[in-house]
Amino acid sequence: MNDIYKTIKGVSEGVYKEKGSKFIARAYHVENIVEIKEVLIQLRKEFYDARHHCYAWRIDARDEKTRSNDDGEPSGSAGKPILNQIFSFNLYDIIVVVIRYFGGTKLGVSGLINAYKVSTREALENANMVVKEIRDVYQVDFEYSLMNSVMRIIKEDNLAIVEQHFDNQCSIKLAMRLSTINKSTKRLNKIPGVNVKKL
């Protein structure tokens, strides 16, 4: 099972100029619709005098969601080329917004497609790419006396501890990669007195 995906870290930029028009592409790491809206609001404030704020985003590597927006440019001339670049770099959890300052000369649909594509590509080439894992969170409940057995499996299977609470009754929340869930939950469930449940 493929449980890794590529995204970007931080913000990156690309700029393209054509016949007086300026296209400023900004790429951001986003994980949900709220973060996407925040980016769009922020850029509309920062570039309040620009003619267009065209964008595309792709989030959730497991249950893919995408959208593109031409923001008044001819249909398919802006949002789609931006989204196609996101696809060609195979990135998730990302939004690219291209801000256009109109230079007075119309570029035509093919000119626009090229401008939005090239500026987006430059922003993505300048981005800091990172590989992330798709994980599910499980809660493991057990008595304190079983601590060593549980911790050994956590260490051997390289499981990430999200939260832990130790008392007579202990509880640990673990983030597990999709490809290792079956193996790790089976190992934990084999210990008598350990209860594993998906959150």
N, C-alpha and C. Protein backbone atom coordinates (compact mmCIF):
# COMPACT_ATOMS: atom_id res chain seq x y z
N MET A 1 0.84 -1.20 0.00
CA MET A 1 0.00 0.00 0.00
C MET A 1 0.88 1.25 0.00
N ASN A 2 0.58 2.21 -0.88
CA ASN A 2 1.37 3.42 -0.93
C ASN A 2 0.85 4.41 0.12
N ASP A 3 1.64 4.63 1.15
CA ASP A 3 1.17 5.51 2.22
C ASP A 3 2.11 6.70 2.43
N ILE A 4 2.85 7.05 1.36
CA ILE A 4 3.66 8.26 1.44
C ILE A 4 3.24 9.21 0.32
N TYR A 5 3.41 10.48 0.56
CA TYR A 5 3.07 11.48 -0.46
C TYR A 5 4.00 12.67 -0.33
N LYS A 6 4.03 13.47 -1.41
CA LYS A 6 4.90 14.65 -1.44
C LYS A 6 4.08 15.90 -1.19
N THR A 7 4.67 16.81 -0.42
CA THR A 7 4.07 18.12 -0.22
C THR A 7 5.20 19.15 -0.15
N ILE A 8 4.85 20.39 0.16
CA ILE A 8 5.90 21.40 0.30
C ILE A 8 5.89 21.93 1.73
N LYS A 9 7.01 22.52 2.10
CA LYS A 9 7.17 23.11 3.41
C LYS A 9 7.27 24.62 3.22
N GLY A 10 6.50 25.37 4.00
CA GLY A 10 6.61 26.82 3.91
C GLY A 10 5.98 27.39 2.64
N VAL A 11 6.55 28.49 2.17
CA VAL A 11 6.01 29.23 1.02
C VAL A 11 7.10 29.37 -0.03
N SER A 12 6.71 29.30 -1.31
CA SER A 12 7.67 29.56 -2.38
C SER A 12 7.02 30.44 -3.44
N GLU A 13 7.85 31.02 -4.28
CA GLU A 13 7.32 31.99 -5.25
C GLU A 13 7.95 31.81 -6.62
N GLY A 14 7.17 32.14 -7.64
CA GLY A 14 7.67 32.18 -9.02
C GLY A 14 7.08 33.40 -9.70
N VAL A 15 7.85 34.03 -10.60
CA VAL A 15 7.36 35.23 -11.28
C VAL A 15 7.55 35.07 -12.79
N TYR A 16 6.54 35.50 -13.54
CA TYR A 16 6.62 35.44 -15.01
C TYR A 16 6.07 36.75 -15.56
N LYS A 17 6.81 37.33 -16.55
CA LYS A 17 6.35 38.59 -17.17
C LYS A 17 6.15 38.38 -18.65
N GLU A 18 5.07 38.96 -19.16
CA GLU A 18 4.75 38.83 -20.59
C GLU A 18 3.98 40.06 -21.03
N LYS A 19 4.53 40.81 -22.00
CA LYS A 19 3.85 41.99 -22.59
C LYS A 19 3.29 42.92 -21.53
N GLY A 20 4.09 43.20 -20.52
CA GLY A 20 3.67 44.14 -19.48
C GLY A 20 2.87 43.53 -18.35
N SER A 21 2.30 42.34 -18.57
CA SER A 21 1.57 41.67 -17.49
C SER A 21 2.58 40.95 -16.58
N LYS A 22 2.27 40.96 -15.31
CA LYS A 22 3.15 40.28 -14.35
C LYS A 22 2.33 39.22 -13.62
N PHE A 23 2.88 38.00 -13.56
CA PHE A 23 2.22 36.88 -12.90
C PHE A 23 3.08 36.45 -11.71
N ILE A 24 2.53 36.59 -10.51
CA ILE A 24 3.27 36.22 -9.30
C ILE A 24 2.62 34.96 -8.73
N ALA A 25 3.34 33.84 -8.77
CA ALA A 25 2.80 32.57 -8.26
C ALA A 25 3.32 32.33 -6.85
N ARG A 26 2.40 32.04 -5.94
CA ARG A 26 2.79 31.70 -4.56
C ARG A 26 2.25 30.32 -4.23
N ALA A 27 3.12 29.45 -3.73
CA ALA A 27 2.72 28.10 -3.32
C ALA A 27 2.79 28.00 -1.80
N TYR A 28 1.75 27.42 -1.20
CA TYR A 28 1.65 27.30 0.26
C TYR A 28 1.29 25.87 0.64
N HIS A 29 1.80 25.43 1.78
CA HIS A 29 1.36 24.15 2.35
C HIS A 29 0.05 24.42 3.09
N VAL A 30 -1.00 23.66 2.74
CA VAL A 30 -2.30 23.78 3.42
C VAL A 30 -2.84 22.38 3.66
N GLU A 31 -3.63 22.23 4.72
CA GLU A 31 -4.15 20.89 5.02
C GLU A 31 -5.68 20.81 5.03
N ASN A 32 -6.35 21.96 4.94
CA ASN A 32 -7.82 21.93 4.97
C ASN A 32 -8.39 23.20 4.35
N ILE A 33 -9.72 23.23 4.21
CA ILE A 33 -10.41 24.35 3.55
C ILE A 33 -10.21 25.65 4.33
N VAL A 34 -10.17 25.57 5.66
CA VAL A 34 -9.98 26.78 6.48
C VAL A 34 -8.64 27.44 6.14
N GLU A 35 -7.58 26.63 6.06
CA GLU A 35 -6.25 27.17 5.73
C GLU A 35 -6.22 27.74 4.31
N ILE A 36 -6.93 27.08 3.39
CA ILE A 36 -7.00 27.56 2.01
C ILE A 36 -7.64 28.95 1.99
N LYS A 37 -8.76 29.11 2.72
CA LYS A 37 -9.45 30.41 2.75
C LYS A 37 -8.57 31.49 3.35
N GLU A 38 -7.80 31.13 4.39
CA GLU A 38 -6.90 32.10 5.04
C GLU A 38 -5.85 32.61 4.05
N VAL A 39 -5.28 31.69 3.26
CA VAL A 39 -4.28 32.08 2.26
C VAL A 39 -4.89 33.05 1.24
N LEU A 40 -6.09 32.71 0.75
CA LEU A 40 -6.74 33.55 -0.26
C LEU A 40 -7.06 34.94 0.30
N ILE A 41 -7.55 35.01 1.53
CA ILE A 41 -7.86 36.31 2.16
C ILE A 41 -6.58 37.13 2.31
N GLN A 42 -5.52 36.48 2.78
CA GLN A 42 -4.24 37.17 3.01
C GLN A 42 -3.69 37.74 1.70
N LEU A 43 -3.75 36.94 0.62
CA LEU A 43 -3.19 37.40 -0.65
C LEU A 43 -4.05 38.49 -1.29
N ARG A 44 -5.36 38.40 -1.10
CA ARG A 44 -6.23 39.47 -1.65
C ARG A 44 -5.95 40.80 -0.94
N LYS A 45 -5.58 40.73 0.34
CA LYS A 45 -5.20 41.95 1.07
C LYS A 45 -3.85 42.47 0.59
N GLU A 46 -2.88 41.53 0.49
CA GLU A 46 -1.51 41.91 0.12
C GLU A 46 -1.45 42.46 -1.31
N PHE A 47 -2.18 41.82 -2.23
CA PHE A 47 -2.17 42.25 -3.63
C PHE A 47 -3.56 42.80 -4.00
N TYR A 48 -4.03 43.75 -3.20
CA TYR A 48 -5.41 44.26 -3.36
C TYR A 48 -5.64 44.94 -4.71
N ASP A 49 -4.54 45.43 -5.34
CA ASP A 49 -4.68 46.17 -6.60
C ASP A 49 -4.49 45.29 -7.84
N ALA A 50 -4.36 43.97 -7.65
CA ALA A 50 -4.16 43.07 -8.80
C ALA A 50 -5.49 42.78 -9.49
N ARG A 51 -5.42 42.48 -10.78
CA ARG A 51 -6.64 42.22 -11.57
C ARG A 51 -7.22 40.85 -11.26
N HIS A 52 -6.35 39.83 -11.13
CA HIS A 52 -6.85 38.45 -10.93
C HIS A 52 -6.06 37.75 -9.83
N HIS A 53 -6.76 36.89 -9.09
CA HIS A 53 -6.13 35.98 -8.12
C HIS A 53 -6.61 34.57 -8.50
N CYS A 54 -5.93 33.94 -9.43
CA CYS A 54 -6.33 32.60 -9.90
C CYS A 54 -5.61 31.55 -9.05
N TYR A 55 -6.29 30.42 -8.84
CA TYR A 55 -5.65 29.44 -7.95
C TYR A 55 -6.11 28.02 -8.25
N ALA A 56 -5.35 27.08 -7.67
CA ALA A 56 -5.74 25.67 -7.67
C ALA A 56 -5.18 25.05 -6.41
N TRP A 57 -5.91 24.07 -5.89
CA TRP A 57 -5.40 23.36 -4.71
C TRP A 57 -5.71 21.87 -4.80
N ARG A 58 -4.93 21.11 -4.03
CA ARG A 58 -5.11 19.66 -3.94
C ARG A 58 -4.75 19.25 -2.52
N ILE A 59 -5.71 18.67 -1.82
CA ILE A 59 -5.44 18.25 -0.44
C ILE A 59 -5.89 16.81 -0.22
N ASP A 60 -5.38 16.24 0.86
CA ASP A 60 -5.79 14.91 1.34
C ASP A 60 -5.36 13.79 0.40
N ALA A 61 -4.17 13.27 0.65
CA ALA A 61 -3.58 12.23 -0.20
C ALA A 61 -4.39 10.93 -0.17
N ARG A 62 -5.18 10.73 0.88
CA ARG A 62 -5.94 9.49 0.97
C ARG A 62 -7.28 9.61 0.23
N ASP A 63 -7.91 10.76 0.36
CA ASP A 63 -9.25 10.94 -0.19
C ASP A 63 -9.23 12.26 -0.98
N GLU A 64 -8.55 12.22 -2.09
CA GLU A 64 -8.15 13.43 -2.82
C GLU A 64 -9.28 14.42 -3.09
N LYS A 65 -8.98 15.71 -2.79
CA LYS A 65 -9.91 16.79 -3.12
C LYS A 65 -9.13 17.85 -3.89
N THR A 66 -9.72 18.33 -5.00
CA THR A 66 -9.04 19.37 -5.79
C THR A 66 -10.05 20.44 -6.20
N ARG A 67 -9.52 21.61 -6.50
CA ARG A 67 -10.35 22.66 -7.07
C ARG A 67 -9.46 23.66 -7.80
N SER A 68 -10.01 24.27 -8.85
CA SER A 68 -9.28 25.35 -9.52
C SER A 68 -10.25 26.49 -9.82
N ASN A 69 -9.70 27.70 -9.94
CA ASN A 69 -10.55 28.88 -10.12
C ASN A 69 -9.84 29.85 -11.06
N ASP A 70 -10.57 30.28 -12.11
CA ASP A 70 -10.00 31.20 -13.12
C ASP A 70 -10.13 32.67 -12.72
N ASP A 71 -10.92 32.98 -11.70
CA ASP A 71 -11.10 34.35 -11.19
C ASP A 71 -11.24 35.39 -12.31
N GLY A 72 -12.15 35.11 -13.24
CA GLY A 72 -12.43 36.11 -14.28
C GLY A 72 -11.62 35.98 -15.55
N GLU A 73 -10.59 35.16 -15.54
CA GLU A 73 -9.85 34.89 -16.78
C GLU A 73 -10.70 33.96 -17.65
N PRO A 74 -10.42 33.89 -18.97
CA PRO A 74 -11.20 32.97 -19.82
C PRO A 74 -11.18 31.54 -19.26
N SER A 75 -12.32 30.86 -19.36
CA SER A 75 -12.48 29.53 -18.76
C SER A 75 -11.36 28.57 -19.17
N GLY A 76 -10.74 27.95 -18.15
CA GLY A 76 -9.70 26.95 -18.40
C GLY A 76 -8.32 27.52 -18.70
N SER A 77 -8.19 28.86 -18.66
CA SER A 77 -6.90 29.45 -19.04
C SER A 77 -5.97 29.70 -17.85
N ALA A 78 -6.50 29.56 -16.63
CA ALA A 78 -5.69 29.90 -15.46
C ALA A 78 -5.67 28.79 -14.41
N GLY A 79 -6.86 28.51 -13.82
CA GLY A 79 -6.91 27.51 -12.75
C GLY A 79 -6.43 26.14 -13.19
N LYS A 80 -6.83 25.74 -14.41
CA LYS A 80 -6.47 24.40 -14.89
C LYS A 80 -4.96 24.23 -15.10
N PRO A 81 -4.30 25.19 -15.79
CA PRO A 81 -2.84 25.05 -15.93
C PRO A 81 -2.11 25.02 -14.58
N ILE A 82 -2.64 25.76 -13.59
CA ILE A 82 -2.03 25.74 -12.25
C ILE A 82 -2.19 24.34 -11.66
N LEU A 83 -3.42 23.80 -11.73
CA LEU A 83 -3.69 22.47 -11.17
C LEU A 83 -2.86 21.40 -11.89
N ASN A 84 -2.72 21.53 -13.20
CA ASN A 84 -1.93 20.54 -13.95
C ASN A 84 -0.47 20.50 -13.50
N GLN A 85 0.06 21.65 -13.12
CA GLN A 85 1.44 21.68 -12.61
C GLN A 85 1.53 20.98 -11.24
N ILE A 86 0.50 21.18 -10.41
CA ILE A 86 0.46 20.50 -9.11
C ILE A 86 0.45 18.98 -9.35
N PHE A 87 -0.35 18.55 -10.36
CA PHE A 87 -0.39 17.12 -10.71
C PHE A 87 0.96 16.64 -11.23
N SER A 88 1.58 17.44 -12.09
CA SER A 88 2.83 16.95 -12.70
C SER A 88 3.96 16.84 -11.67
N PHE A 89 3.91 17.65 -10.61
CA PHE A 89 4.88 17.52 -9.52
C PHE A 89 4.41 16.49 -8.48
N ASN A 90 3.18 15.99 -8.68
CA ASN A 90 2.56 15.00 -7.79
C ASN A 90 2.54 15.45 -6.32
N LEU A 91 2.00 16.64 -6.10
CA LEU A 91 1.97 17.21 -4.75
C LEU A 91 0.56 17.21 -4.16
N TYR A 92 0.52 17.07 -2.85
CA TYR A 92 -0.73 17.15 -2.09
C TYR A 92 -0.58 18.21 -1.00
N ASP A 93 -1.69 18.56 -0.37
CA ASP A 93 -1.70 19.55 0.72
C ASP A 93 -1.02 20.84 0.28
N ILE A 94 -1.51 21.36 -0.85
CA ILE A 94 -0.88 22.54 -1.43
C ILE A 94 -1.92 23.41 -2.12
N ILE A 95 -1.69 24.72 -2.05
CA ILE A 95 -2.44 25.66 -2.88
C ILE A 95 -1.42 26.54 -3.61
N VAL A 96 -1.69 26.79 -4.89
CA VAL A 96 -0.88 27.75 -5.64
C VAL A 96 -1.84 28.85 -6.10
N VAL A 97 -1.49 30.09 -5.75
CA VAL A 97 -2.28 31.25 -6.18
C VAL A 97 -1.39 32.07 -7.11
N VAL A 98 -1.92 32.40 -8.29
CA VAL A 98 -1.16 33.26 -9.21
C VAL A 98 -1.88 34.60 -9.30
N ILE A 99 -1.15 35.63 -8.90
CA ILE A 99 -1.69 36.99 -8.90
C ILE A 99 -1.26 37.65 -10.20
N ARG A 100 -2.23 38.20 -10.94
CA ARG A 100 -1.89 38.82 -12.22
C ARG A 100 -2.14 40.32 -12.19
N TYR A 101 -1.09 41.05 -12.56
CA TYR A 101 -1.22 42.47 -12.83
C TYR A 101 -1.29 42.64 -14.34
N PHE A 102 -2.38 43.22 -14.82
CA PHE A 102 -2.61 43.33 -16.26
C PHE A 102 -1.74 44.44 -16.85
N GLY A 103 -1.08 44.13 -17.96
CA GLY A 103 -0.15 45.09 -18.56
C GLY A 103 -0.73 45.89 -19.71
N GLY A 104 -2.02 45.70 -19.99
CA GLY A 104 -2.63 46.49 -21.06
C GLY A 104 -2.73 45.76 -22.38
N THR A 105 -1.96 44.70 -22.56
CA THR A 105 -2.02 43.93 -23.81
C THR A 105 -2.61 42.55 -23.53
N LYS A 106 -3.63 42.19 -24.27
CA LYS A 106 -4.23 40.85 -24.09
C LYS A 106 -3.27 39.79 -24.60
N LEU A 107 -3.20 38.68 -23.86
CA LEU A 107 -2.25 37.62 -24.22
C LEU A 107 -2.91 36.49 -25.01
N GLY A 108 -4.25 36.48 -25.06
CA GLY A 108 -4.94 35.37 -25.71
C GLY A 108 -4.94 34.15 -24.80
N VAL A 109 -5.82 33.20 -25.07
CA VAL A 109 -5.96 32.03 -24.19
C VAL A 109 -4.66 31.24 -24.11
N SER A 110 -4.01 30.98 -25.26
CA SER A 110 -2.77 30.17 -25.22
C SER A 110 -1.67 30.91 -24.47
N GLY A 111 -1.62 32.24 -24.60
CA GLY A 111 -0.63 33.02 -23.86
C GLY A 111 -0.87 32.98 -22.37
N LEU A 112 -2.16 33.03 -21.99
CA LEU A 112 -2.51 32.95 -20.57
C LEU A 112 -2.17 31.58 -19.99
N ILE A 113 -2.53 30.53 -20.72
CA ILE A 113 -2.23 29.16 -20.25
C ILE A 113 -0.74 29.03 -19.99
N ASN A 114 0.06 29.53 -20.92
CA ASN A 114 1.52 29.45 -20.77
C ASN A 114 2.00 30.25 -19.56
N ALA A 115 1.46 31.45 -19.38
CA ALA A 115 1.89 32.32 -18.27
C ALA A 115 1.57 31.69 -16.92
N TYR A 116 0.35 31.16 -16.79
CA TYR A 116 -0.03 30.55 -15.50
C TYR A 116 0.75 29.26 -15.25
N LYS A 117 1.02 28.53 -16.33
CA LYS A 117 1.78 27.28 -16.20
C LYS A 117 3.23 27.56 -15.78
N VAL A 118 3.87 28.49 -16.49
CA VAL A 118 5.30 28.75 -16.24
C VAL A 118 5.53 29.36 -14.86
N SER A 119 4.67 30.31 -14.46
CA SER A 119 4.85 30.94 -13.14
C SER A 119 4.64 29.91 -12.03
N THR A 120 3.63 29.03 -12.22
CA THR A 120 3.38 27.98 -11.22
C THR A 120 4.56 27.01 -11.15
N ARG A 121 5.05 26.61 -12.32
CA ARG A 121 6.18 25.67 -12.34
C ARG A 121 7.39 26.24 -11.60
N GLU A 122 7.64 27.53 -11.81
CA GLU A 122 8.79 28.16 -11.14
C GLU A 122 8.60 28.16 -9.62
N ALA A 123 7.37 28.46 -9.18
CA ALA A 123 7.10 28.45 -7.73
C ALA A 123 7.33 27.06 -7.15
N LEU A 124 6.91 26.03 -7.90
CA LEU A 124 7.06 24.66 -7.40
C LEU A 124 8.52 24.20 -7.46
N GLU A 125 9.25 24.64 -8.49
CA GLU A 125 10.68 24.30 -8.56
C GLU A 125 11.45 24.95 -7.42
N ASN A 126 10.97 26.11 -6.95
CA ASN A 126 11.65 26.81 -5.85
C ASN A 126 11.22 26.31 -4.47
N ALA A 127 10.22 25.42 -4.46
CA ALA A 127 9.64 24.97 -3.17
C ALA A 127 10.53 23.95 -2.47
N ASN A 128 10.38 23.92 -1.17
CA ASN A 128 11.08 22.93 -0.34
C ASN A 128 10.18 21.70 -0.24
N MET A 129 10.50 20.66 -1.03
CA MET A 129 9.65 19.45 -1.07
C MET A 129 9.94 18.53 0.12
N VAL A 130 8.89 17.96 0.67
CA VAL A 130 9.06 16.99 1.76
C VAL A 130 8.15 15.78 1.51
N VAL A 131 8.57 14.63 2.03
CA VAL A 131 7.75 13.42 1.90
C VAL A 131 7.09 13.16 3.24
N LYS A 132 5.79 12.93 3.21
CA LYS A 132 5.05 12.65 4.45
C LYS A 132 4.37 11.30 4.36
N GLU A 133 4.00 10.78 5.53
CA GLU A 133 3.32 9.47 5.59
C GLU A 133 1.85 9.66 5.92
N ILE A 134 1.00 8.82 5.31
CA ILE A 134 -0.41 8.81 5.69
C ILE A 134 -0.52 7.91 6.92
N ARG A 135 -1.08 8.46 7.98
CA ARG A 135 -1.15 7.70 9.24
C ARG A 135 -2.56 7.72 9.82
N ASP A 136 -2.87 6.65 10.55
CA ASP A 136 -4.10 6.61 11.36
C ASP A 136 -3.68 6.61 12.82
N VAL A 137 -4.55 7.15 13.67
CA VAL A 137 -4.24 7.18 15.10
C VAL A 137 -5.02 6.10 15.84
N TYR A 138 -4.29 5.35 16.65
CA TYR A 138 -4.88 4.28 17.46
C TYR A 138 -4.59 4.55 18.92
N GLN A 139 -5.54 4.15 19.78
CA GLN A 139 -5.32 4.25 21.22
C GLN A 139 -5.04 2.87 21.79
N VAL A 140 -4.00 2.79 22.59
CA VAL A 140 -3.62 1.52 23.22
C VAL A 140 -3.78 1.67 24.73
N ASP A 141 -4.66 0.87 25.32
CA ASP A 141 -4.89 0.90 26.78
C ASP A 141 -4.34 -0.38 27.41
N PHE A 142 -3.66 -0.21 28.54
CA PHE A 142 -3.05 -1.38 29.19
C PHE A 142 -2.70 -1.05 30.64
N GLU A 143 -2.45 -2.09 31.42
CA GLU A 143 -2.03 -1.88 32.80
C GLU A 143 -0.54 -1.57 32.85
N TYR A 144 -0.14 -0.84 33.88
CA TYR A 144 1.25 -0.39 34.00
C TYR A 144 2.25 -1.55 33.91
N SER A 145 1.85 -2.70 34.41
CA SER A 145 2.77 -3.86 34.43
C SER A 145 3.14 -4.32 33.00
N LEU A 146 2.35 -3.90 32.01
CA LEU A 146 2.62 -4.33 30.62
C LEU A 146 3.44 -3.29 29.84
N MET A 147 3.85 -2.23 30.54
CA MET A 147 4.54 -1.11 29.90
C MET A 147 5.72 -1.55 29.02
N ASN A 148 6.61 -2.38 29.55
CA ASN A 148 7.81 -2.76 28.79
C ASN A 148 7.47 -3.48 27.49
N SER A 149 6.49 -4.39 27.55
CA SER A 149 6.10 -5.14 26.35
C SER A 149 5.54 -4.20 25.29
N VAL A 150 4.71 -3.25 25.71
CA VAL A 150 4.09 -2.30 24.77
C VAL A 150 5.16 -1.38 24.18
N MET A 151 6.01 -0.83 25.05
CA MET A 151 7.03 0.12 24.59
C MET A 151 8.02 -0.55 23.62
N ARG A 152 8.29 -1.83 23.83
CA ARG A 152 9.22 -2.54 22.94
C ARG A 152 8.67 -2.56 21.51
N ILE A 153 7.37 -2.87 21.39
CA ILE A 153 6.74 -2.92 20.05
C ILE A 153 6.73 -1.52 19.42
N ILE A 154 6.43 -0.51 20.23
CA ILE A 154 6.41 0.88 19.73
C ILE A 154 7.78 1.24 19.15
N LYS A 155 8.82 0.83 19.87
CA LYS A 155 10.18 1.14 19.43
C LYS A 155 10.55 0.33 18.19
N GLU A 156 10.30 -0.97 18.22
CA GLU A 156 10.68 -1.85 17.10
C GLU A 156 9.93 -1.50 15.82
N ASP A 157 8.64 -1.14 15.96
CA ASP A 157 7.83 -0.82 14.77
C ASP A 157 7.89 0.66 14.40
N ASN A 158 8.70 1.42 15.15
CA ASN A 158 8.91 2.84 14.85
C ASN A 158 7.59 3.61 14.81
N LEU A 159 6.75 3.42 15.84
CA LEU A 159 5.45 4.08 15.90
C LEU A 159 5.59 5.44 16.60
N ALA A 160 4.84 6.41 16.11
CA ALA A 160 4.93 7.77 16.67
C ALA A 160 3.92 7.94 17.80
N ILE A 161 4.41 8.35 18.96
CA ILE A 161 3.53 8.60 20.10
C ILE A 161 2.95 10.00 19.97
N VAL A 162 1.63 10.08 19.92
CA VAL A 162 0.94 11.37 19.78
C VAL A 162 0.64 11.94 21.17
N GLU A 163 0.26 11.03 22.08
CA GLU A 163 -0.13 11.45 23.43
C GLU A 163 0.04 10.25 24.35
N GLN A 164 0.40 10.48 25.62
CA GLN A 164 0.51 9.34 26.54
C GLN A 164 0.08 9.74 27.95
N HIS A 165 -0.50 8.76 28.63
CA HIS A 165 -0.96 9.00 30.01
C HIS A 165 -0.62 7.74 30.81
N PHE A 166 0.26 7.90 31.80
CA PHE A 166 0.69 6.74 32.59
C PHE A 166 0.17 6.82 34.03
N ASP A 167 -0.48 5.76 34.44
CA ASP A 167 -0.96 5.61 35.81
C ASP A 167 -1.05 4.11 36.03
N ASN A 168 -1.89 3.65 36.95
CA ASN A 168 -2.09 2.19 37.05
C ASN A 168 -2.63 1.68 35.72
N GLN A 169 -3.61 2.44 35.16
CA GLN A 169 -4.10 2.16 33.81
C GLN A 169 -3.41 3.15 32.87
N CYS A 170 -2.74 2.63 31.87
CA CYS A 170 -2.00 3.51 30.95
C CYS A 170 -2.72 3.61 29.61
N SER A 171 -2.48 4.73 28.95
CA SER A 171 -3.10 4.96 27.64
C SER A 171 -2.10 5.69 26.75
N ILE A 172 -1.89 5.16 25.55
CA ILE A 172 -0.99 5.82 24.59
C ILE A 172 -1.71 5.95 23.26
N LYS A 173 -1.63 7.14 22.66
CA LYS A 173 -2.16 7.33 21.31
C LYS A 173 -0.99 7.25 20.34
N LEU A 174 -1.15 6.40 19.33
CA LEU A 174 -0.06 6.16 18.37
C LEU A 174 -0.50 6.50 16.96
N ALA A 175 0.38 7.16 16.21
CA ALA A 175 0.15 7.40 14.78
C ALA A 175 0.87 6.29 14.02
N MET A 176 0.09 5.52 13.26
CA MET A 176 0.67 4.38 12.53
C MET A 176 0.53 4.56 11.03
N ARG A 177 1.61 4.26 10.32
CA ARG A 177 1.56 4.28 8.86
C ARG A 177 0.59 3.21 8.36
N LEU A 178 -0.14 3.54 7.31
CA LEU A 178 -1.15 2.59 6.80
C LEU A 178 -0.55 1.23 6.50
N SER A 179 0.66 1.23 5.95
CA SER A 179 1.27 -0.05 5.53
C SER A 179 1.70 -0.92 6.71
N THR A 180 1.80 -0.33 7.90
CA THR A 180 2.28 -1.12 9.05
C THR A 180 1.19 -1.38 10.10
N ILE A 181 0.00 -0.81 9.88
CA ILE A 181 -1.07 -0.92 10.89
C ILE A 181 -1.38 -2.36 11.26
N ASN A 182 -1.61 -3.20 10.25
CA ASN A 182 -1.99 -4.60 10.53
C ASN A 182 -0.96 -5.31 11.38
N LYS A 183 0.30 -5.17 10.98
CA LYS A 183 1.38 -5.85 11.70
C LYS A 183 1.46 -5.35 13.15
N SER A 184 1.45 -4.02 13.34
CA SER A 184 1.63 -3.45 14.68
C SER A 184 0.43 -3.73 15.59
N THR A 185 -0.80 -3.60 15.06
CA THR A 185 -1.97 -3.86 15.91
C THR A 185 -2.05 -5.33 16.30
N LYS A 186 -1.66 -6.22 15.36
CA LYS A 186 -1.65 -7.66 15.68
C LYS A 186 -0.67 -7.94 16.82
N ARG A 187 0.52 -7.36 16.71
CA ARG A 187 1.55 -7.57 17.75
C ARG A 187 1.06 -7.07 19.11
N LEU A 188 0.44 -5.89 19.11
CA LEU A 188 -0.04 -5.32 20.38
C LEU A 188 -1.20 -6.14 20.95
N ASN A 189 -2.09 -6.56 20.06
CA ASN A 189 -3.25 -7.35 20.52
C ASN A 189 -2.87 -8.73 21.06
N LYS A 190 -1.69 -9.20 20.69
CA LYS A 190 -1.24 -10.52 21.18
C LYS A 190 -0.88 -10.48 22.66
N ILE A 191 -0.63 -9.28 23.17
CA ILE A 191 -0.28 -9.16 24.60
C ILE A 191 -1.59 -9.22 25.40
N PRO A 192 -1.76 -10.21 26.26
CA PRO A 192 -3.00 -10.31 27.05
C PRO A 192 -3.16 -9.06 27.92
N GLY A 193 -4.37 -8.47 27.88
CA GLY A 193 -4.63 -7.29 28.70
C GLY A 193 -4.44 -5.98 27.97
N VAL A 194 -4.00 -6.04 26.69
CA VAL A 194 -3.83 -4.81 25.91
C VAL A 194 -5.04 -4.62 25.01
N ASN A 195 -5.58 -3.42 25.00
CA ASN A 195 -6.75 -3.11 24.17
C ASN A 195 -6.37 -2.03 23.15
N VAL A 196 -6.55 -2.34 21.86
CA VAL A 196 -6.18 -1.41 20.79
C VAL A 196 -7.44 -0.97 20.06
N LYS A 197 -7.63 0.34 19.93
CA LYS A 197 -8.81 0.78 19.15
C LYS A 197 -8.44 1.97 18.26
N LYS A 198 -9.09 2.02 17.10
CA LYS A 198 -8.84 3.11 16.15
C LYS A 198 -9.62 4.34 16.58
N LEU A 199 -8.98 5.49 16.49
CA LEU A 199 -9.66 6.75 16.89
C LEU A 199 -10.22 7.44 15.66
